[in-house]
Amino acid sequence: MTGQINMVDVETLRGWLTTDQVLVVDVRERHEYAVEHIAGAHLLPLSEFDPAQMPPVPAGKKLLLHCRSANRCGVAAARLVESGYSGEINRLAGGMLAWVAAGAPVESSQE
């Protein structure tokens, strides 16, 4: 797995989002996503994570998985690799905790 799975920081992800270079997949649970999430992130909770349900990564874009603190996205990344996924997988170092701490923008889907 070394080399296939990379950790990226908040600023790197912000740059990728600004230039539309990334597909973001949030593996937190639905209630966490509802409170706050990165705009445009696809929700695929780890509790029901199925590599076959991954949205396709458009040509020329990077895949980034994230969760609250970067633990669950590691499990999801390992499951992807075990399922035969051969592309690069990026994980957000520090997860949503780091994203929010850096003052990066979030959206909410709570009523």
PDB file of N, CA and C in Angstrom:
ATOM      1  N   MET A   1       0.817  -1.208   0.000  1.00  0.00           N
ATOM      2  CA  MET A   1       0.000   0.000   0.000  1.00  0.00           C
ATOM      3  C   MET A   1       0.855   1.264   0.000  1.00  0.00           C
ATOM      4  N   THR A   2       2.081   1.174   0.450  1.00  0.00           N
ATOM      5  CA  THR A   2       2.926   2.357   0.508  1.00  0.00           C
ATOM      6  C   THR A   2       3.037   2.986  -0.868  1.00  0.00           C
ATOM      7  N   GLY A   3       2.848   4.294  -0.929  1.00  0.00           N
ATOM      8  CA  GLY A   3       2.930   4.980  -2.203  1.00  0.00           C
ATOM      9  C   GLY A   3       1.576   5.148  -2.863  1.00  0.00           C
ATOM     10  N   GLN A   4       0.674   4.199  -2.620  1.00  0.00           N
ATOM     11  CA  GLN A   4      -0.663   4.297  -3.198  1.00  0.00           C
ATOM     12  C   GLN A   4      -1.554   5.189  -2.335  1.00  0.00           C
ATOM     13  N   ILE A   5      -1.302   5.189  -1.033  1.00  0.00           N
ATOM     14  CA  ILE A   5      -2.107   5.977  -0.109  1.00  0.00           C
ATOM     15  C   ILE A   5      -1.229   7.097   0.457  1.00  0.00           C
ATOM     16  N   ASN A   6      -1.682   8.326   0.272  1.00  0.00           N
ATOM     17  CA  ASN A   6      -0.914   9.489   0.707  1.00  0.00           C
ATOM     18  C   ASN A   6      -1.727  10.358   1.654  1.00  0.00           C
ATOM     19  N   MET A   7      -1.037  11.009   2.560  1.00  0.00           N
ATOM     20  CA  MET A   7      -1.671  11.985   3.447  1.00  0.00           C
ATOM     21  C   MET A   7      -1.443  13.364   2.840  1.00  0.00           C
ATOM     22  N   VAL A   8      -2.494  14.180   2.810  1.00  0.00           N
ATOM     23  CA  VAL A   8      -2.348  15.551   2.329  1.00  0.00           C
ATOM     24  C   VAL A   8      -2.882  16.502   3.392  1.00  0.00           C
ATOM     25  N   ASP A   9      -2.341  17.708   3.412  1.00  0.00           N
ATOM     26  CA  ASP A   9      -2.768  18.677   4.410  1.00  0.00           C
ATOM     27  C   ASP A   9      -3.931  19.527   3.895  1.00  0.00           C
ATOM     28  N   VAL A  10      -4.480  20.323   4.777  1.00  0.00           N
ATOM     29  CA  VAL A  10      -5.639  21.157   4.459  1.00  0.00           C
ATOM     30  C   VAL A  10      -5.345  22.090   3.286  1.00  0.00           C
ATOM     31  N   GLU A  11      -4.185  22.717   3.289  1.00  0.00           N
ATOM     32  CA  GLU A  11      -3.871  23.669   2.215  1.00  0.00           C
ATOM     33  C   GLU A  11      -3.790  22.992   0.853  1.00  0.00           C
ATOM     34  N   THR A  12      -3.257  21.774   0.820  1.00  0.00           N
ATOM     35  CA  THR A  12      -3.198  21.031  -0.442  1.00  0.00           C
ATOM     36  C   THR A  12      -4.613  20.759  -0.943  1.00  0.00           C
ATOM     37  N   LEU A  13      -5.484  20.294  -0.047  1.00  0.00           N
ATOM     38  CA  LEU A  13      -6.865  20.023  -0.449  1.00  0.00           C
ATOM     39  C   LEU A  13      -7.568  21.298  -0.897  1.00  0.00           C
ATOM     40  N   ARG A  14      -7.340  22.389  -0.200  1.00  0.00           N
ATOM     41  CA  ARG A  14      -7.962  23.662  -0.610  1.00  0.00           C
ATOM     42  C   ARG A  14      -7.557  24.025  -2.032  1.00  0.00           C
ATOM     43  N   GLY A  15      -6.293  23.837  -2.355  1.00  0.00           N
ATOM     44  CA  GLY A  15      -5.811  24.115  -3.697  1.00  0.00           C
ATOM     45  C   GLY A  15      -6.470  23.226  -4.732  1.00  0.00           C
ATOM     46  N   TRP A  16      -6.577  21.944  -4.419  1.00  0.00           N
ATOM     47  CA  TRP A  16      -7.210  21.005  -5.343  1.00  0.00           C
ATOM     48  C   TRP A  16      -8.675  21.372  -5.565  1.00  0.00           C
ATOM     49  N   LEU A  17      -9.365  21.767  -4.497  1.00  0.00           N
ATOM     50  CA  LEU A  17     -10.778  22.146  -4.624  1.00  0.00           C
ATOM     51  C   LEU A  17     -10.920  23.407  -5.474  1.00  0.00           C
ATOM     52  N   THR A  18     -10.038  24.360  -5.249  1.00  0.00           N
ATOM     53  CA  THR A  18     -10.085  25.620  -5.996  1.00  0.00           C
ATOM     54  C   THR A  18      -9.919  25.396  -7.492  1.00  0.00           C
ATOM     55  N   THR A  19      -9.091  24.430  -7.853  1.00  0.00           N
ATOM     56  CA  THR A  19      -8.827  24.159  -9.269  1.00  0.00           C
ATOM     57  C   THR A  19      -9.598  22.945  -9.784  1.00  0.00           C
ATOM     58  N   ASP A  20     -10.578  22.473  -9.007  1.00  0.00           N
ATOM     59  CA  ASP A  20     -11.450  21.362  -9.404  1.00  0.00           C
ATOM     60  C   ASP A  20     -10.657  20.123  -9.825  1.00  0.00           C
ATOM     61  N   GLN A  21      -9.690  19.756  -8.971  1.00  0.00           N
ATOM     62  CA  GLN A  21      -8.827  18.607  -9.268  1.00  0.00           C
ATOM     63  C   GLN A  21      -9.114  17.385  -8.421  1.00  0.00           C
ATOM     64  N   VAL A  22     -10.193  17.412  -7.618  1.00  0.00           N
ATOM     65  CA  VAL A  22     -10.351  16.347  -6.632  1.00  0.00           C
ATOM     66  C   VAL A  22     -11.801  15.910  -6.471  1.00  0.00           C
ATOM     67  N   LEU A  23     -11.966  14.610  -6.216  1.00  0.00           N
ATOM     68  CA  LEU A  23     -13.245  14.036  -5.822  1.00  0.00           C
ATOM     69  C   LEU A  23     -13.109  13.730  -4.339  1.00  0.00           C
ATOM     70  N   VAL A  24     -13.936  14.376  -3.514  1.00  0.00           N
ATOM     71  CA  VAL A  24     -13.866  14.213  -2.059  1.00  0.00           C
ATOM     72  C   VAL A  24     -14.943  13.230  -1.604  1.00  0.00           C
ATOM     73  N   VAL A  25     -14.526  12.224  -0.838  1.00  0.00           N
ATOM     74  CA  VAL A  25     -15.454  11.250  -0.274  1.00  0.00           C
ATOM     75  C   VAL A  25     -15.324  11.291   1.243  1.00  0.00           C
ATOM     76  N   ASP A  26     -16.439  11.591   1.904  1.00  0.00           N
ATOM     77  CA  ASP A  26     -16.526  11.708   3.360  1.00  0.00           C
ATOM     78  C   ASP A  26     -17.005  10.361   3.895  1.00  0.00           C
ATOM     79  N   VAL A  27     -16.218   9.721   4.767  1.00  0.00           N
ATOM     80  CA  VAL A  27     -16.603   8.409   5.294  1.00  0.00           C
ATOM     81  C   VAL A  27     -17.141   8.484   6.720  1.00  0.00           C
ATOM     82  N   ARG A  28     -17.472   9.691   7.168  1.00  0.00           N
ATOM     83  CA  ARG A  28     -18.104   9.830   8.483  1.00  0.00           C
ATOM     84  C   ARG A  28     -19.563   9.366   8.373  1.00  0.00           C
ATOM     85  N   GLU A  29     -20.221   9.316   9.497  1.00  0.00           N
ATOM     86  CA  GLU A  29     -21.623   8.881   9.507  1.00  0.00           C
ATOM     87  C   GLU A  29     -22.543  10.022   9.088  1.00  0.00           C
ATOM     88  N   ARG A  30     -23.766   9.670   8.723  1.00  0.00           N
ATOM     89  CA  ARG A  30     -24.724  10.650   8.194  1.00  0.00           C
ATOM     90  C   ARG A  30     -24.955  11.839   9.130  1.00  0.00           C
ATOM     91  N   HIS A  31     -25.072  11.572  10.422  1.00  0.00           N
ATOM     92  CA  HIS A  31     -25.336  12.670  11.361  1.00  0.00           C
ATOM     93  C   HIS A  31     -24.141  13.631  11.448  1.00  0.00           C
ATOM     94  N   GLU A  32     -22.925  13.120  11.302  1.00  0.00           N
ATOM     95  CA  GLU A  32     -21.747  13.985  11.311  1.00  0.00           C
ATOM     96  C   GLU A  32     -21.712  14.856  10.060  1.00  0.00           C
ATOM     97  N   TYR A  33     -22.015  14.244   8.926  1.00  0.00           N
ATOM     98  CA  TYR A  33     -22.034  14.952   7.645  1.00  0.00           C
ATOM     99  C   TYR A  33     -23.079  16.063   7.677  1.00  0.00           C
ATOM    100  N   ALA A  34     -24.228  15.784   8.287  1.00  0.00           N
ATOM    101  CA  ALA A  34     -25.314  16.773   8.347  1.00  0.00           C
ATOM    102  C   ALA A  34     -24.889  18.024   9.114  1.00  0.00           C
ATOM    103  N   VAL A  35     -24.096  17.853  10.162  1.00  0.00           N
ATOM    104  CA  VAL A  35     -23.654  18.985  10.974  1.00  0.00           C
ATOM    105  C   VAL A  35     -22.726  19.895  10.183  1.00  0.00           C
ATOM    106  N   GLU A  36     -21.721  19.297   9.529  1.00  0.00           N
ATOM    107  CA  GLU A  36     -20.789  20.073   8.717  1.00  0.00           C
ATOM    108  C   GLU A  36     -20.048  19.148   7.775  1.00  0.00           C
ATOM    109  N   HIS A  37     -19.835  19.643   6.553  1.00  0.00           N
ATOM    110  CA  HIS A  37     -19.089  18.869   5.565  1.00  0.00           C
ATOM    111  C   HIS A  37     -18.444  19.807   4.554  1.00  0.00           C
ATOM    112  N   ILE A  38     -17.491  19.259   3.843  1.00  0.00           N
ATOM    113  CA  ILE A  38     -16.811  20.005   2.787  1.00  0.00           C
ATOM    114  C   ILE A  38     -17.766  20.063   1.596  1.00  0.00           C
ATOM    115  N   ALA A  39     -17.943  21.249   1.049  1.00  0.00           N
ATOM    116  CA  ALA A  39     -18.857  21.428  -0.082  1.00  0.00           C
ATOM    117  C   ALA A  39     -18.520  20.472  -1.219  1.00  0.00           C
ATOM    118  N   GLY A  40     -19.534  19.784  -1.715  1.00  0.00           N
ATOM    119  CA  GLY A  40     -19.360  18.878  -2.834  1.00  0.00           C
ATOM    120  C   GLY A  40     -18.902  17.480  -2.468  1.00  0.00           C
ATOM    121  N   ALA A  41     -18.637  17.233  -1.179  1.00  0.00           N
ATOM    122  CA  ALA A  41     -18.169  15.911  -0.758  1.00  0.00           C
ATOM    123  C   ALA A  41     -19.277  14.871  -0.917  1.00  0.00           C
ATOM    124  N   HIS A  42     -18.893  13.692  -1.365  1.00  0.00           N
ATOM    125  CA  HIS A  42     -19.816  12.560  -1.459  1.00  0.00           C
ATOM    126  C   HIS A  42     -19.792  11.840  -0.127  1.00  0.00           C
ATOM    127  N   LEU A  43     -20.949  11.470   0.380  1.00  0.00           N
ATOM    128  CA  LEU A  43     -21.021  10.747   1.653  1.00  0.00           C
ATOM    129  C   LEU A  43     -21.076   9.250   1.399  1.00  0.00           C
ATOM    130  N   LEU A  44     -20.155   8.516   2.020  1.00  0.00           N
ATOM    131  CA  LEU A  44     -20.126   7.064   1.963  1.00  0.00           C
ATOM    132  C   LEU A  44     -19.655   6.585   3.338  1.00  0.00           C
ATOM    133  N   PRO A  45     -20.600   6.522   4.317  1.00  0.00           N
ATOM    134  CA  PRO A  45     -20.221   6.204   5.697  1.00  0.00           C
ATOM    135  C   PRO A  45     -19.453   4.894   5.831  1.00  0.00           C
ATOM    136  N   LEU A  46     -18.441   4.906   6.687  1.00  0.00           N
ATOM    137  CA  LEU A  46     -17.624   3.712   6.897  1.00  0.00           C
ATOM    138  C   LEU A  46     -18.482   2.544   7.378  1.00  0.00           C
ATOM    139  N   SER A  47     -19.517   2.816   8.171  1.00  0.00           N
ATOM    140  CA  SER A  47     -20.359   1.740   8.708  1.00  0.00           C
ATOM    141  C   SER A  47     -21.055   0.951   7.601  1.00  0.00           C
ATOM    142  N   GLU A  48     -21.191   1.555   6.426  1.00  0.00           N
ATOM    143  CA  GLU A  48     -21.810   0.850   5.303  1.00  0.00           C
ATOM    144  C   GLU A  48     -20.916   0.921   4.061  1.00  0.00           C
ATOM    145  N   PHE A  49     -19.620   1.114   4.299  1.00  0.00           N
ATOM    146  CA  PHE A  49     -18.669   1.323   3.201  1.00  0.00           C
ATOM    147  C   PHE A  49     -18.531   0.076   2.338  1.00  0.00           C
ATOM    148  N   ASP A  50     -18.812   0.250   1.067  1.00  0.00           N
ATOM    149  CA  ASP A  50     -18.666  -0.816   0.081  1.00  0.00           C
ATOM    150  C   ASP A  50     -17.867  -0.219  -1.080  1.00  0.00           C
ATOM    151  N   PRO A  51     -16.659  -0.727  -1.319  1.00  0.00           N
ATOM    152  CA  PRO A  51     -15.854  -0.174  -2.410  1.00  0.00           C
ATOM    153  C   PRO A  51     -16.595  -0.109  -3.745  1.00  0.00           C
ATOM    154  N   ALA A  52     -17.541  -1.007  -3.959  1.00  0.00           N
ATOM    155  CA  ALA A  52     -18.306  -1.006  -5.209  1.00  0.00           C
ATOM    156  C   ALA A  52     -19.214   0.222  -5.322  1.00  0.00           C
ATOM    157  N   GLN A  53     -19.485   0.882  -4.203  1.00  0.00           N
ATOM    158  CA  GLN A  53     -20.352   2.062  -4.197  1.00  0.00           C
ATOM    159  C   GLN A  53     -19.586   3.373  -4.360  1.00  0.00           C
ATOM    160  N   MET A  54     -18.267   3.270  -4.495  1.00  0.00           N
ATOM    161  CA  MET A  54     -17.460   4.484  -4.666  1.00  0.00           C
ATOM    162  C   MET A  54     -17.877   5.205  -5.940  1.00  0.00           C
ATOM    163  N   PRO A  55     -18.055   6.517  -5.853  1.00  0.00           N
ATOM    164  CA  PRO A  55     -18.337   7.250  -7.089  1.00  0.00           C
ATOM    165  C   PRO A  55     -17.106   7.174  -7.992  1.00  0.00           C
ATOM    166  N   PRO A  56     -17.308   7.124  -9.303  1.00  0.00           N
ATOM    167  CA  PRO A  56     -16.149   7.064 -10.192  1.00  0.00           C
ATOM    168  C   PRO A  56     -15.333   8.354 -10.116  1.00  0.00           C
ATOM    169  N   VAL A  57     -14.027   8.195 -10.133  1.00  0.00           N
ATOM    170  CA  VAL A  57     -13.135   9.356 -10.110  1.00  0.00           C
ATOM    171  C   VAL A  57     -12.966   9.827 -11.558  1.00  0.00           C
ATOM    172  N   PRO A  58     -13.419  11.051 -11.853  1.00  0.00           N
ATOM    173  CA  PRO A  58     -13.288  11.551 -13.221  1.00  0.00           C
ATOM    174  C   PRO A  58     -11.820  11.610 -13.666  1.00  0.00           C
ATOM    175  N   ALA A  59     -11.610  11.407 -14.944  1.00  0.00           N
ATOM    176  CA  ALA A  59     -10.261  11.459 -15.508  1.00  0.00           C
ATOM    177  C   ALA A  59      -9.590  12.780 -15.139  1.00  0.00           C
ATOM    178  N   GLY A  60      -8.357  12.691 -14.705  1.00  0.00           N
ATOM    179  CA  GLY A  60      -7.600  13.884 -14.365  1.00  0.00           C
ATOM    180  C   GLY A  60      -7.817  14.395 -12.950  1.00  0.00           C
ATOM    181  N   LYS A  61      -8.703  13.729 -12.194  1.00  0.00           N
ATOM    182  CA  LYS A  61      -8.941  14.165 -10.811  1.00  0.00           C
ATOM    183  C   LYS A  61      -8.330  13.194  -9.829  1.00  0.00           C
ATOM    184  N   LYS A  62      -8.088  13.689  -8.636  1.00  0.00           N
ATOM    185  CA  LYS A  62      -7.536  12.893  -7.555  1.00  0.00           C
ATOM    186  C   LYS A  62      -8.682  12.440  -6.646  1.00  0.00           C
ATOM    187  N   LEU A  63      -8.493  11.324  -5.959  1.00  0.00           N
ATOM    188  CA  LEU A  63      -9.449  10.838  -4.974  1.00  0.00           C
ATOM    189  C   LEU A  63      -8.939  11.213  -3.592  1.00  0.00           C
ATOM    190  N   LEU A  64      -9.817  11.805  -2.789  1.00  0.00           N
ATOM    191  CA  LEU A  64      -9.458  12.111  -1.403  1.00  0.00           C
ATOM    192  C   LEU A  64     -10.542  11.580  -0.486  1.00  0.00           C
ATOM    193  N   LEU A  65     -10.141  10.797   0.505  1.00  0.00           N
ATOM    194  CA  LEU A  65     -11.045  10.304   1.541  1.00  0.00           C
ATOM    195  C   LEU A  65     -10.793  11.100   2.805  1.00  0.00           C
ATOM    196  N   HIS A  66     -11.858  11.387   3.545  1.00  0.00           N
ATOM    197  CA  HIS A  66     -11.645  12.040   4.833  1.00  0.00           C
ATOM    198  C   HIS A  66     -12.716  11.615   5.826  1.00  0.00           C
ATOM    199  N   CYS A  67     -12.412  11.839   7.094  1.00  0.00           N
ATOM    200  CA  CYS A  67     -13.341  11.537   8.180  1.00  0.00           C
ATOM    201  C   CYS A  67     -13.154  12.614   9.249  1.00  0.00           C
ATOM    202  N   ARG A  68     -13.407  12.302  10.498  1.00  0.00           N
ATOM    203  CA  ARG A  68     -13.294  13.303  11.556  1.00  0.00           C
ATOM    204  C   ARG A  68     -11.836  13.617  11.879  1.00  0.00           C
ATOM    205  N   SER A  69     -11.027  12.555  12.087  1.00  0.00           N
ATOM    206  CA  SER A  69      -9.648  12.785  12.539  1.00  0.00           C
ATOM    207  C   SER A  69      -8.594  12.048  11.714  1.00  0.00           C
ATOM    208  N   ALA A  70      -8.996  11.386  10.650  1.00  0.00           N
ATOM    209  CA  ALA A  70      -8.119  10.653   9.718  1.00  0.00           C
ATOM    210  C   ALA A  70      -7.951   9.179  10.063  1.00  0.00           C
ATOM    211  N   ASN A  71      -8.704   8.649  11.023  1.00  0.00           N
ATOM    212  CA  ASN A  71      -8.614   7.223  11.327  1.00  0.00           C
ATOM    213  C   ASN A  71      -9.515   6.388  10.425  1.00  0.00           C
ATOM    214  N   ARG A  72     -10.794   6.742  10.365  1.00  0.00           N
ATOM    215  CA  ARG A  72     -11.732   5.947   9.568  1.00  0.00           C
ATOM    216  C   ARG A  72     -11.397   5.972   8.083  1.00  0.00           C
ATOM    217  N   CYS A  73     -10.860   7.084   7.597  1.00  0.00           N
ATOM    218  CA  CYS A  73     -10.520   7.118   6.168  1.00  0.00           C
ATOM    219  C   CYS A  73      -9.363   6.175   5.873  1.00  0.00           C
ATOM    220  N   GLY A  74      -8.557   5.870   6.874  1.00  0.00           N
ATOM    221  CA  GLY A  74      -7.492   4.878   6.692  1.00  0.00           C
ATOM    222  C   GLY A  74      -8.060   3.486   6.504  1.00  0.00           C
ATOM    223  N   VAL A  75      -9.095   3.174   7.273  1.00  0.00           N
ATOM    224  CA  VAL A  75      -9.778   1.878   7.134  1.00  0.00           C
ATOM    225  C   VAL A  75     -10.426   1.796   5.750  1.00  0.00           C
ATOM    226  N   ALA A  76     -11.095   2.877   5.339  1.00  0.00           N
ATOM    227  CA  ALA A  76     -11.744   2.904   4.030  1.00  0.00           C
ATOM    228  C   ALA A  76     -10.719   2.751   2.909  1.00  0.00           C
ATOM    229  N   ALA A  77      -9.576   3.427   3.035  1.00  0.00           N
ATOM    230  CA  ALA A  77      -8.522   3.325   2.019  1.00  0.00           C
ATOM    231  C   ALA A  77      -8.012   1.892   1.916  1.00  0.00           C
ATOM    232  N   ALA A  78      -7.809   1.249   3.054  1.00  0.00           N
ATOM    233  CA  ALA A  78      -7.341  -0.143   3.058  1.00  0.00           C
ATOM    234  C   ALA A  78      -8.369  -1.055   2.393  1.00  0.00           C
ATOM    235  N   ARG A  79      -9.651  -0.818   2.662  1.00  0.00           N
ATOM    236  CA  ARG A  79     -10.702  -1.631   2.028  1.00  0.00           C
ATOM    237  C   ARG A  79     -10.710  -1.432   0.516  1.00  0.00           C
ATOM    238  N   LEU A  80     -10.488  -0.208   0.079  1.00  0.00           N
ATOM    239  CA  LEU A  80     -10.429   0.065  -1.361  1.00  0.00           C
ATOM    240  C   LEU A  80      -9.291  -0.716  -2.008  1.00  0.00           C
ATOM    241  N   VAL A  81      -8.122  -0.671  -1.384  1.00  0.00           N
ATOM    242  CA  VAL A  81      -6.957  -1.376  -1.925  1.00  0.00           C
ATOM    243  C   VAL A  81      -7.220  -2.879  -1.940  1.00  0.00           C
ATOM    244  N   GLU A  82      -7.779  -3.406  -0.848  1.00  0.00           N
ATOM    245  CA  GLU A  82      -8.078  -4.839  -0.762  1.00  0.00           C
ATOM    246  C   GLU A  82      -9.074  -5.262  -1.845  1.00  0.00           C
ATOM    247  N   SER A  83      -9.945  -4.345  -2.250  1.00  0.00           N
ATOM    248  CA  SER A  83     -10.952  -4.673  -3.261  1.00  0.00           C
ATOM    249  C   SER A  83     -10.381  -4.608  -4.678  1.00  0.00           C
ATOM    250  N   GLY A  84      -9.117  -4.193  -4.790  1.00  0.00           N
ATOM    251  CA  GLY A  84      -8.481  -4.147  -6.095  1.00  0.00           C
ATOM    252  C   GLY A  84      -8.327  -2.750  -6.679  1.00  0.00           C
ATOM    253  N   TYR A  85      -8.719  -1.722  -5.920  1.00  0.00           N
ATOM    254  CA  TYR A  85      -8.562  -0.357  -6.412  1.00  0.00           C
ATOM    255  C   TYR A  85      -7.078  -0.089  -6.604  1.00  0.00           C
ATOM    256  N   SER A  86      -6.716   0.371  -7.788  1.00  0.00           N
ATOM    257  CA  SER A  86      -5.291   0.538  -8.078  1.00  0.00           C
ATOM    258  C   SER A  86      -4.850   1.991  -8.199  1.00  0.00           C
ATOM    259  N   GLY A  87      -5.793   2.925  -8.123  1.00  0.00           N
ATOM    260  CA  GLY A  87      -5.436   4.331  -8.246  1.00  0.00           C
ATOM    261  C   GLY A  87      -4.870   4.909  -6.961  1.00  0.00           C
ATOM    262  N   GLU A  88      -4.394   6.122  -7.072  1.00  0.00           N
ATOM    263  CA  GLU A  88      -3.871   6.833  -5.913  1.00  0.00           C
ATOM    264  C   GLU A  88      -5.025   7.207  -4.985  1.00  0.00           C
ATOM    265  N   ILE A  89      -4.804   7.061  -3.696  1.00  0.00           N
ATOM    266  CA  ILE A  89      -5.799   7.423  -2.684  1.00  0.00           C
ATOM    267  C   ILE A  89      -5.155   8.451  -1.764  1.00  0.00           C
ATOM    268  N   ASN A  90      -5.795   9.578  -1.606  1.00  0.00           N
ATOM    269  CA  ASN A  90      -5.305  10.613  -0.705  1.00  0.00           C
ATOM    270  C   ASN A  90      -6.204  10.673   0.505  1.00  0.00           C
ATOM    271  N   ARG A  91      -5.599  10.932   1.658  1.00  0.00           N
ATOM    272  CA  ARG A  91      -6.341  11.078   2.917  1.00  0.00           C
ATOM    273  C   ARG A  91      -6.045  12.450   3.480  1.00  0.00           C
ATOM    274  N   LEU A  92      -7.058  13.069   4.074  1.00  0.00           N
ATOM    275  CA  LEU A  92      -6.880  14.387   4.668  1.00  0.00           C
ATOM    276  C   LEU A  92      -6.280  14.237   6.060  1.00  0.00           C
ATOM    277  N   ALA A  93      -5.044  14.694   6.226  1.00  0.00           N
ATOM    278  CA  ALA A  93      -4.365  14.632   7.527  1.00  0.00           C
ATOM    279  C   ALA A  93      -5.158  15.452   8.544  1.00  0.00           C
ATOM    280  N   GLY A  94      -5.515  14.824   9.641  1.00  0.00           N
ATOM    281  CA  GLY A  94      -6.265  15.519  10.695  1.00  0.00           C
ATOM    282  C   GLY A  94      -7.758  15.583  10.451  1.00  0.00           C
ATOM    283  N   GLY A  95      -8.206  15.161   9.270  1.00  0.00           N
ATOM    284  CA  GLY A  95      -9.635  15.095   8.970  1.00  0.00           C
ATOM    285  C   GLY A  95     -10.375  16.418   9.126  1.00  0.00           C
ATOM    286  N   MET A  96     -11.668  16.310   9.411  1.00  0.00           N
ATOM    287  CA  MET A  96     -12.505  17.507   9.567  1.00  0.00           C
ATOM    288  C   MET A  96     -12.031  18.373  10.727  1.00  0.00           C
ATOM    289  N   LEU A  97     -11.438  17.760  11.738  1.00  0.00           N
ATOM    290  CA  LEU A  97     -10.929  18.556  12.865  1.00  0.00           C
ATOM    291  C   LEU A  97      -9.886  19.550  12.361  1.00  0.00           C
ATOM    292  N   ALA A  98      -8.979  19.099  11.514  1.00  0.00           N
ATOM    293  CA  ALA A  98      -7.945  19.982  10.959  1.00  0.00           C
ATOM    294  C   ALA A  98      -8.558  20.983   9.985  1.00  0.00           C
ATOM    295  N   TRP A  99      -9.519  20.533   9.176  1.00  0.00           N
ATOM    296  CA  TRP A  99     -10.178  21.398   8.187  1.00  0.00           C
ATOM    297  C   TRP A  99     -10.845  22.577   8.893  1.00  0.00           C
ATOM    298  N   VAL A 100     -11.615  22.288   9.927  1.00  0.00           N
ATOM    299  CA  VAL A 100     -12.328  23.337  10.669  1.00  0.00           C
ATOM    300  C   VAL A 100     -11.340  24.222  11.427  1.00  0.00           C
ATOM    301  N   ALA A 101     -10.328  23.612  12.045  1.00  0.00           N
ATOM    302  CA  ALA A 101      -9.332  24.380  12.801  1.00  0.00           C
ATOM    303  C   ALA A 101      -8.591  25.373  11.910  1.00  0.00           C
ATOM    304  N   ALA A 102      -8.444  25.027  10.625  1.00  0.00           N
ATOM    305  CA  ALA A 102      -7.756  25.912   9.684  1.00  0.00           C
ATOM    306  C   ALA A 102      -8.670  27.004   9.136  1.00  0.00           C
ATOM    307  N   GLY A 103      -9.935  26.958   9.552  1.00  0.00           N
ATOM    308  CA  GLY A 103     -10.872  27.979   9.092  1.00  0.00           C
ATOM    309  C   GLY A 103     -11.382  27.733   7.681  1.00  0.00           C
ATOM    310  N   ALA A 104     -11.228  26.513   7.193  1.00  0.00           N
ATOM    311  CA  ALA A 104     -11.695  26.185   5.850  1.00  0.00           C
ATOM    312  C   ALA A 104     -13.228  26.123   5.847  1.00  0.00           C
ATOM    313  N   PRO A 105     -13.848  26.403   4.698  1.00  0.00           N
ATOM    314  CA  PRO A 105     -15.294  26.485   4.654  1.00  0.00           C
ATOM    315  C   PRO A 105     -16.003  25.145   4.791  1.00  0.00           C
ATOM    316  N   VAL A 106     -17.151  25.173   5.449  1.00  0.00           N
ATOM    317  CA  VAL A 106     -17.993  23.992   5.591  1.00  0.00           C
ATOM    318  C   VAL A 106     -19.431  24.337   5.235  1.00  0.00           C
ATOM    319  N   GLU A 107     -20.176  23.322   4.903  1.00  0.00           N
ATOM    320  CA  GLU A 107     -21.607  23.459   4.669  1.00  0.00           C
ATOM    321  C   GLU A 107     -22.330  22.583   5.680  1.00  0.00           C
ATOM    322  N   SER A 108     -23.606  22.861   5.891  1.00  0.00           N
ATOM    323  CA  SER A 108     -24.436  22.076   6.790  1.00  0.00           C
ATOM    324  C   SER A 108     -25.687  21.656   6.035  1.00  0.00           C
ATOM    325  N   SER A 109     -26.166  20.460   6.326  1.00  0.00           N
ATOM    326  CA  SER A 109     -27.408  20.024   5.698  1.00  0.00           C
ATOM    327  C   SER A 109     -28.478  19.770   6.754  1.00  0.00           C
ATOM    328  N   GLN A 110     -28.278  20.352   7.938  1.00  0.00           N
ATOM    329  CA  GLN A 110     -29.285  20.214   8.989  1.00  0.00           C
ATOM    330  C   GLN A 110     -30.428  21.165   8.712  1.00  0.00           C
ATOM    331  N   GLU A 111     -31.607  20.718   9.095  1.00  0.00           N
ATOM    332  CA  GLU A 111     -32.797  21.565   8.929  1.00  0.00           C
ATOM    333  C   GLU A 111     -32.867  22.558  10.065  1.00  0.00           C
TER     334      GLU A 111
END
